[in-house]
Structures are given as structure tokens and as C-alpha cells.
Amino acid sequence: MDHILSGLPVAAAILEKASKSIEEIKAKGNTPKLAILRVGENPEDLRYERNLIRKGESIGIQVESRVLPLSSSEDDIRAAVWELDEDHSVHGILMFRPLPAGVDEDAICREINPEKDVDGAAEGSLAGVFTGREQGFAPCTARAVMEILKYYGVSLEGKKVTVLGRSLVVGKPLAMMLLAENATVTVCHSKTVDTREETRRADILVTAIGKANMVDKSYVRKEQIVLDVGVSLDPATGRFSGDVNYDEVEPEVASITPLKGGVGAVTTAVLLTQVVEAALRQTRKPSWTD
């Protein structure tokens, strides 16, 4: 196995496979379409939006942006979600979060049709992950971790995997996906006693806590695989960093993902391929193909 688990070849393989599926969709007279719902002008959202438009169009996915002012009410946002849910030309919906203060984000997420919930935000999608049913879609970052492990030939059966973080965005759904592959999973959080002991015991360590450079060499051991999911601003440097102190940890472990071109690159590819998967499911319905 490679020492540096770059996400770039993983993303390329995912998008190549998606491109082939797009041919089937277009043969039915449809084009996969992602609708981005953005409230306000957050610079990070805008950067990600531009990247999705560029990469989506490169493989034949149409990307449409629906932009609401930051002053939008909860009813305004809910109405926009309903409109996109009812638009049969839209196969996937990505709603940038967090939403403005005072808006019940969970309530808005529940309005997204699981069939179009390509970001795995709605309860219906999470229920699919936790029950193992094909219902909605997994959160993209959690699936990205699984895709990296699969691409590099990492067998999960019987392996001890420790996940740092228990959010519904990564930690909890990832734990369920790892269990489905017969891994033995430990989830650590802020109340875990002796986190270092738990992480060093693992064959595979996934960090998803959003604390810059928290995981140093005292958390790891030789022959270990480390996947760094978290990205946050490091107050000491003013730059974005992963959860893992890369310079310290990289020489100490068997394999590790880089901050640049790592899990994030695969997350973008997963989102786009889930748009394609959503389009395939929807265009195969009799009522849509008559």
C-alpha cells in the first residue's frame, strides 16, 4: 500500500465511472442536474460552488445555483427547498450550511426529499445509512473515507477502527458504514477516557473533530493507517489545518492522507457521483420514462 494515500486518483476513478453512467441517463433524454441552494455569500461556499460547477460540467452534470439573501426567513428557505423538490429536472440538492441564525436547520433538512438528498443531510438519508437500506444517500465525507480505503485495497473485515468524532456529518454514519464491512469500531468523543489509548490500539484511525493539529505522534503507532478528515483554522498560524499534525505523524505511521488532495478531493467527487446515482434512480422510474 502507498504511504501517502492521495485522494486525487480516487476522485478521478470515481468521476470516470460516473461519466459512463451519464451516458445511460442522456440516452433517456435527461441530463443529471445538481441544484445548489445557497443563502448569502460565504466565501468558502462560493469557492466550493465554483469547484462543483467546473467539475460537474467537465463530466456532463448541470449545476444550477439558487441564491437567497442572508436576510431570508425560514419560510423563504423552506419554499425554495419545496420548489427544488418538485422540479423534475433537478436530481440532486445541496444546501449549504450553516443556515442563518434563527433558522431551524434540522427542520429545513427534513424538507429535502431523500431521493434528491445527495449530501446526506435529511433524516431519511441517515436512516438509510443506519439500516443498510438503499434510501437517500450517505453523507459525502463519510462515504469518501470508505472510497479511499476501498481504492487502496484496505480490507476492513476484523480490523479495529477508531473514529475521532461523533457528528452526524461524519462520525456516526461512518461508524455504521464501517460496521457494515465487518470492522470493529470505536467512536471517541470529548468525554472519552484516555483517547490516546483508544487511538493507538486501532489498525485504522479516522480523525473528524475539527481541532487543528490536535492529533500528534502520541496518538498513533507504527503499522497504522490514518485518515484525516477534519479541517479547521489553526489560530497559531492563521492557516487551515487538519486534525492531524502531519509533520509529526507522517513518519510514524504506515499510511496517511495528506491535507491537500486528501479526503476533501474525494468528497467532491462523491457528491457529484451521488447526483448521477440519484438521476439513475429517478430516470428509471416508470413515471419518469414514459
Protein backbone atom coordinates (compact mmCIF):
# COMPACT_ATOMS: atom_id res chain seq x y z
CA MET A 1 0.00 0.00 0.00
CA ASP A 2 1.12 3.56 -0.68
CA HIS A 3 2.48 5.55 2.24
CA ILE A 4 0.66 8.71 1.15
CA LEU A 5 -3.00 7.93 0.43
CA SER A 6 -3.67 10.68 -2.08
CA GLY A 7 -7.33 11.32 -2.80
CA LEU A 8 -6.68 12.57 -6.33
CA PRO A 9 -6.54 9.18 -8.11
CA VAL A 10 -9.53 8.03 -6.04
CA ALA A 11 -11.55 11.05 -7.14
CA ALA A 12 -10.51 10.54 -10.77
CA ALA A 13 -11.64 6.90 -10.71
CA ILE A 14 -14.99 7.83 -9.16
CA LEU A 15 -15.66 10.55 -11.73
CA GLU A 16 -14.63 8.28 -14.62
CA LYS A 17 -17.20 5.72 -13.52
CA ALA A 18 -19.82 8.44 -13.12
CA SER A 19 -19.14 9.65 -16.66
CA LYS A 20 -20.11 6.25 -18.05
CA SER A 21 -23.40 6.28 -16.13
CA ILE A 22 -24.21 9.72 -17.50
CA GLU A 23 -24.39 8.18 -20.98
CA GLU A 24 -27.29 5.96 -19.85
CA ILE A 25 -29.12 8.96 -18.40
CA LYS A 26 -28.65 11.08 -21.51
CA ALA A 27 -29.89 8.19 -23.65
CA LYS A 28 -33.23 8.63 -21.87
CA GLY A 29 -33.31 12.31 -22.78
CA ASN A 30 -32.16 13.62 -19.41
CA THR A 31 -29.10 15.38 -18.05
CA PRO A 32 -28.05 14.91 -14.41
CA LYS A 33 -28.64 18.16 -12.59
CA LEU A 34 -27.46 19.39 -9.21
CA ALA A 35 -29.18 22.36 -7.59
CA ILE A 36 -27.12 24.28 -5.05
CA LEU A 37 -29.16 26.24 -2.53
CA ARG A 38 -27.04 29.00 -1.03
CA VAL A 39 -28.13 31.61 1.49
CA GLY A 40 -25.78 34.59 1.49
CA GLU A 41 -22.27 35.00 0.09
CA ASN A 42 -19.99 32.96 2.35
CA PRO A 43 -16.55 32.90 0.64
CA GLU A 44 -15.95 29.22 1.41
CA ASP A 45 -19.37 28.32 -0.03
CA LEU A 46 -18.64 30.35 -3.15
CA ARG A 47 -15.28 28.62 -3.62
CA TYR A 48 -16.83 25.17 -3.28
CA GLU A 49 -19.69 26.17 -5.58
CA ARG A 50 -17.29 27.24 -8.33
CA ASN A 51 -15.38 23.97 -7.96
CA LEU A 52 -18.58 21.93 -8.24
CA ILE A 53 -19.71 23.84 -11.33
CA ARG A 54 -16.33 23.33 -13.01
CA LYS A 55 -16.00 19.63 -12.17
CA GLY A 56 -19.66 18.88 -12.77
CA GLU A 57 -19.70 20.41 -16.22
CA SER A 58 -16.47 18.59 -17.12
CA ILE A 59 -18.26 15.23 -16.86
CA GLY A 60 -21.69 16.30 -18.11
CA ILE A 61 -23.53 17.29 -14.92
CA GLN A 62 -25.52 20.51 -15.00
CA VAL A 63 -25.10 22.62 -11.86
CA GLU A 64 -27.62 25.34 -11.04
CA SER A 65 -27.24 27.82 -8.18
CA ARG A 66 -30.29 29.08 -6.31
CA VAL A 67 -29.19 32.05 -4.20
CA LEU A 68 -31.21 33.64 -1.41
CA PRO A 69 -30.27 36.77 0.54
CA LEU A 70 -28.83 36.37 4.02
CA SER A 71 -31.96 38.07 5.37
CA SER A 72 -34.17 35.21 4.12
CA SER A 73 -36.68 33.83 6.60
CA GLU A 74 -37.16 30.17 7.44
CA ASP A 75 -40.30 30.18 5.28
CA ASP A 76 -38.34 31.61 2.34
CA ILE A 77 -35.74 28.84 2.57
CA ARG A 78 -38.39 26.16 3.03
CA ALA A 79 -40.23 27.41 -0.07
CA ALA A 80 -37.01 27.21 -2.11
CA VAL A 81 -36.45 23.61 -0.97
CA TRP A 82 -40.02 22.67 -1.89
CA GLU A 83 -39.60 24.21 -5.33
CA LEU A 84 -36.44 22.21 -5.98
CA ASP A 85 -38.06 19.04 -4.62
CA GLU A 86 -40.91 19.41 -7.10
CA ASP A 87 -38.70 20.26 -10.10
CA HIS A 88 -38.24 17.01 -12.05
CA SER A 89 -35.26 18.44 -13.92
CA VAL A 90 -33.35 18.59 -10.61
CA HIS A 91 -31.94 15.24 -9.48
CA GLY A 92 -29.85 16.35 -6.50
CA ILE A 93 -29.99 19.14 -3.95
CA LEU A 94 -27.05 20.53 -1.99
CA MET A 95 -27.95 23.11 0.65
CA PHE A 96 -25.01 24.97 2.11
CA ARG A 97 -24.94 25.02 5.89
CA PRO A 98 -24.96 26.51 8.45
CA LEU A 99 -28.10 28.47 7.70
CA PRO A 100 -28.62 31.99 9.12
CA ALA A 101 -29.16 32.41 12.85
CA GLY A 102 -32.76 31.88 13.88
CA VAL A 103 -33.48 29.32 11.15
CA ASP A 104 -34.25 25.77 12.32
CA GLU A 105 -31.69 23.97 10.18
CA ASP A 106 -32.86 20.48 11.17
CA ALA A 107 -36.43 21.34 10.17
CA ILE A 108 -35.27 22.61 6.77
CA CYS A 109 -33.16 19.50 6.18
CA ARG A 110 -36.21 17.33 6.86
CA GLU A 111 -37.95 19.03 3.93
CA ILE A 112 -35.40 17.71 1.41
CA ASN A 113 -36.65 14.66 -0.47
CA PRO A 114 -34.28 11.76 0.39
CA GLU A 115 -34.24 10.82 -3.30
CA LYS A 116 -32.55 14.16 -4.01
CA ASP A 117 -30.58 14.48 -0.78
CA VAL A 118 -27.16 13.92 -2.34
CA ASP A 119 -25.39 15.50 0.65
CA GLY A 120 -26.92 13.07 3.17
CA ALA A 121 -28.44 15.87 5.26
CA ALA A 122 -32.02 14.64 5.71
CA GLU A 123 -33.18 12.19 8.36
CA GLY A 124 -34.39 9.81 5.65
CA SER A 125 -30.88 9.56 4.22
CA LEU A 126 -29.33 8.93 7.62
CA ALA A 127 -31.95 6.27 8.29
CA GLY A 128 -30.82 4.53 5.12
CA VAL A 129 -27.21 4.51 6.35
CA PHE A 130 -28.15 3.21 9.80
CA THR A 131 -30.47 0.47 8.50
CA GLY A 132 -28.44 -0.53 5.45
CA ARG A 133 -31.30 0.20 3.04
CA GLU A 134 -30.94 1.98 -0.30
CA GLN A 135 -32.71 5.10 0.90
CA GLY A 136 -31.31 8.53 0.25
CA PHE A 137 -27.55 8.95 0.26
CA ALA A 138 -24.71 8.73 2.76
CA PRO A 139 -23.04 11.95 3.93
CA CYS A 140 -20.38 12.62 1.32
CA THR A 141 -17.35 12.84 3.60
CA ALA A 142 -18.18 9.57 5.36
CA ARG A 143 -18.51 7.83 2.01
CA ALA A 144 -15.27 9.46 0.82
CA VAL A 145 -13.39 7.74 3.64
CA MET A 146 -14.84 4.40 2.57
CA GLU A 147 -13.94 5.03 -1.07
CA ILE A 148 -10.31 5.79 -0.17
CA LEU A 149 -9.99 2.58 1.84
CA LYS A 150 -11.56 0.59 -0.98
CA TYR A 151 -9.36 2.15 -3.67
CA TYR A 152 -6.16 1.34 -1.79
CA GLY A 153 -7.27 -2.22 -1.10
CA VAL A 154 -7.69 -1.94 2.66
CA SER A 155 -9.70 -4.89 3.97
CA LEU A 156 -11.91 -3.85 6.87
CA GLU A 157 -13.12 -7.25 7.99
CA GLY A 158 -11.98 -7.82 11.57
CA LYS A 159 -9.92 -4.61 11.65
CA LYS A 160 -10.02 -2.30 14.66
CA VAL A 161 -11.06 1.17 13.54
CA THR A 162 -11.19 4.19 15.82
CA VAL A 163 -13.17 7.24 14.71
CA LEU A 164 -12.48 10.54 16.48
CA GLY A 165 -15.75 12.48 16.43
CA ARG A 166 -19.43 11.55 16.66
CA SER A 167 -21.16 14.09 14.43
CA LEU A 168 -24.00 13.13 12.09
CA VAL A 169 -21.94 14.54 9.23
CA VAL A 170 -19.03 12.09 9.56
CA GLY A 171 -18.51 10.18 12.80
CA LYS A 172 -21.79 8.36 13.39
CA PRO A 173 -22.64 7.48 9.76
CA LEU A 174 -19.04 6.44 9.10
CA ALA A 175 -19.17 4.11 12.09
CA MET A 176 -22.27 2.43 10.63
CA MET A 177 -20.63 2.09 7.21
CA LEU A 178 -17.51 0.55 8.76
CA LEU A 179 -19.64 -1.89 10.77
CA ALA A 180 -21.37 -2.93 7.55
CA GLU A 181 -17.93 -4.02 6.31
CA ASN A 182 -17.39 -6.08 9.49
CA ALA A 183 -14.88 -3.77 11.13
CA THR A 184 -14.74 -3.46 14.92
CA VAL A 185 -15.43 0.22 15.54
CA THR A 186 -14.68 2.52 18.47
CA VAL A 187 -16.02 6.07 18.43
CA CYS A 188 -14.18 8.59 20.61
CA HIS A 189 -15.50 11.99 21.68
CA SER A 190 -14.87 14.76 24.21
CA LYS A 191 -15.93 12.56 27.13
CA THR A 192 -13.79 9.55 26.21
CA VAL A 193 -11.37 8.49 28.93
CA ASP A 194 -7.77 8.19 27.65
CA THR A 195 -8.39 8.88 23.97
CA ARG A 196 -4.73 8.21 23.15
CA GLU A 197 -5.00 4.64 24.37
CA GLU A 198 -8.04 4.07 22.13
CA THR A 199 -6.42 5.59 19.05
CA ARG A 200 -3.11 3.73 19.45
CA ARG A 201 -5.00 0.44 19.73
CA ALA A 202 -6.58 0.89 16.30
CA ASP A 203 -5.42 -0.55 13.00
CA ILE A 204 -7.10 2.38 11.26
CA LEU A 205 -7.61 5.85 12.74
CA VAL A 206 -10.05 8.37 11.25
CA THR A 207 -9.99 11.88 12.70
CA ALA A 208 -13.09 14.06 12.29
CA ILE A 209 -13.11 16.53 15.17
CA GLY A 210 -12.20 19.88 13.61
CA LYS A 211 -9.37 20.73 16.03
CA ALA A 212 -6.27 21.82 14.15
CA ASN A 213 -3.17 19.69 14.73
CA MET A 214 -4.61 18.04 17.85
CA VAL A 215 -3.50 14.53 16.89
CA ASP A 216 0.25 14.32 17.36
CA LYS A 217 2.57 11.31 17.37
CA SER A 218 1.43 10.32 20.87
CA TYR A 219 -1.93 9.27 19.37
CA VAL A 220 -0.53 6.83 16.80
CA ARG A 221 1.69 3.79 16.37
CA LYS A 222 3.63 2.01 13.66
CA GLU A 223 1.75 -0.05 11.05
CA GLN A 224 -1.30 2.20 11.43
CA ILE A 225 -3.42 3.82 8.68
CA VAL A 226 -4.51 7.39 9.41
CA LEU A 227 -7.22 9.29 7.51
CA ASP A 228 -7.51 12.97 8.39
CA VAL A 229 -11.00 14.34 7.74
CA GLY A 230 -11.10 17.46 9.91
CA VAL A 231 -10.22 20.88 8.53
CA SER A 232 -10.15 23.98 10.73
CA LEU A 233 -8.35 27.27 11.14
CA ASP A 234 -5.21 26.98 13.21
CA PRO A 235 -5.08 30.06 15.46
CA ALA A 236 -1.33 29.68 15.84
CA THR A 237 -0.63 30.05 12.11
CA GLY A 238 -3.81 31.61 10.71
CA ARG A 239 -3.95 28.81 8.14
CA PHE A 240 -6.34 25.90 7.66
CA SER A 241 -5.00 22.63 9.03
CA GLY A 242 -6.16 19.08 9.53
CA ASP A 243 -6.84 17.38 12.85
CA VAL A 244 -3.51 15.61 12.43
CA ASN A 245 -0.16 17.28 13.00
CA TYR A 246 1.06 15.94 9.68
CA ASP A 247 4.78 16.66 10.10
CA GLU A 248 4.85 14.74 13.39
CA VAL A 249 2.56 11.86 12.48
CA GLU A 250 3.52 11.10 8.88
CA PRO A 251 6.92 9.49 9.72
CA GLU A 252 5.34 7.41 12.50
CA VAL A 253 2.60 5.55 10.61
CA ALA A 254 2.27 3.11 7.73
CA SER A 255 -0.08 5.24 5.61
CA ILE A 256 -1.72 8.65 5.88
CA THR A 257 -3.89 11.00 3.83
CA PRO A 258 -2.50 14.46 3.02
CA LEU A 259 -4.36 17.64 3.91
CA LYS A 260 -4.27 18.89 0.32
CA GLY A 261 -5.58 16.40 -2.22
CA GLY A 262 -6.77 14.07 0.52
CA VAL A 263 -10.25 13.27 1.80
CA GLY A 264 -11.65 16.63 0.60
CA ALA A 265 -10.90 15.87 -3.04
CA VAL A 266 -12.79 12.60 -2.78
CA THR A 267 -15.72 14.24 -1.00
CA THR A 268 -16.34 16.48 -4.02
CA ALA A 269 -16.23 13.50 -6.39
CA VAL A 270 -18.62 11.55 -4.14
CA LEU A 271 -21.14 14.40 -4.16
CA LEU A 272 -21.13 14.51 -7.96
CA THR A 273 -21.39 10.75 -8.34
CA GLN A 274 -24.34 10.75 -5.92
CA VAL A 275 -26.04 13.25 -8.24
CA VAL A 276 -25.54 10.72 -11.04
CA GLU A 277 -26.85 7.88 -8.87
CA ALA A 278 -29.89 9.98 -7.96
CA ALA A 279 -30.53 10.69 -11.62
CA LEU A 280 -30.28 6.99 -12.48
CA ARG A 281 -32.80 6.06 -9.80
CA GLN A 282 -35.22 8.79 -10.84
CA THR A 283 -34.99 8.25 -14.59
CA ARG A 284 -35.54 4.50 -14.16
CA LYS A 285 -38.93 5.14 -12.56
CA PRO A 286 -41.75 4.28 -14.99
CA SER A 287 -43.49 7.62 -14.41
CA TRP A 288 -40.36 9.43 -15.49
CA THR A 289 -39.56 7.38 -18.55
CA ASP A 290 -42.98 7.02 -20.18
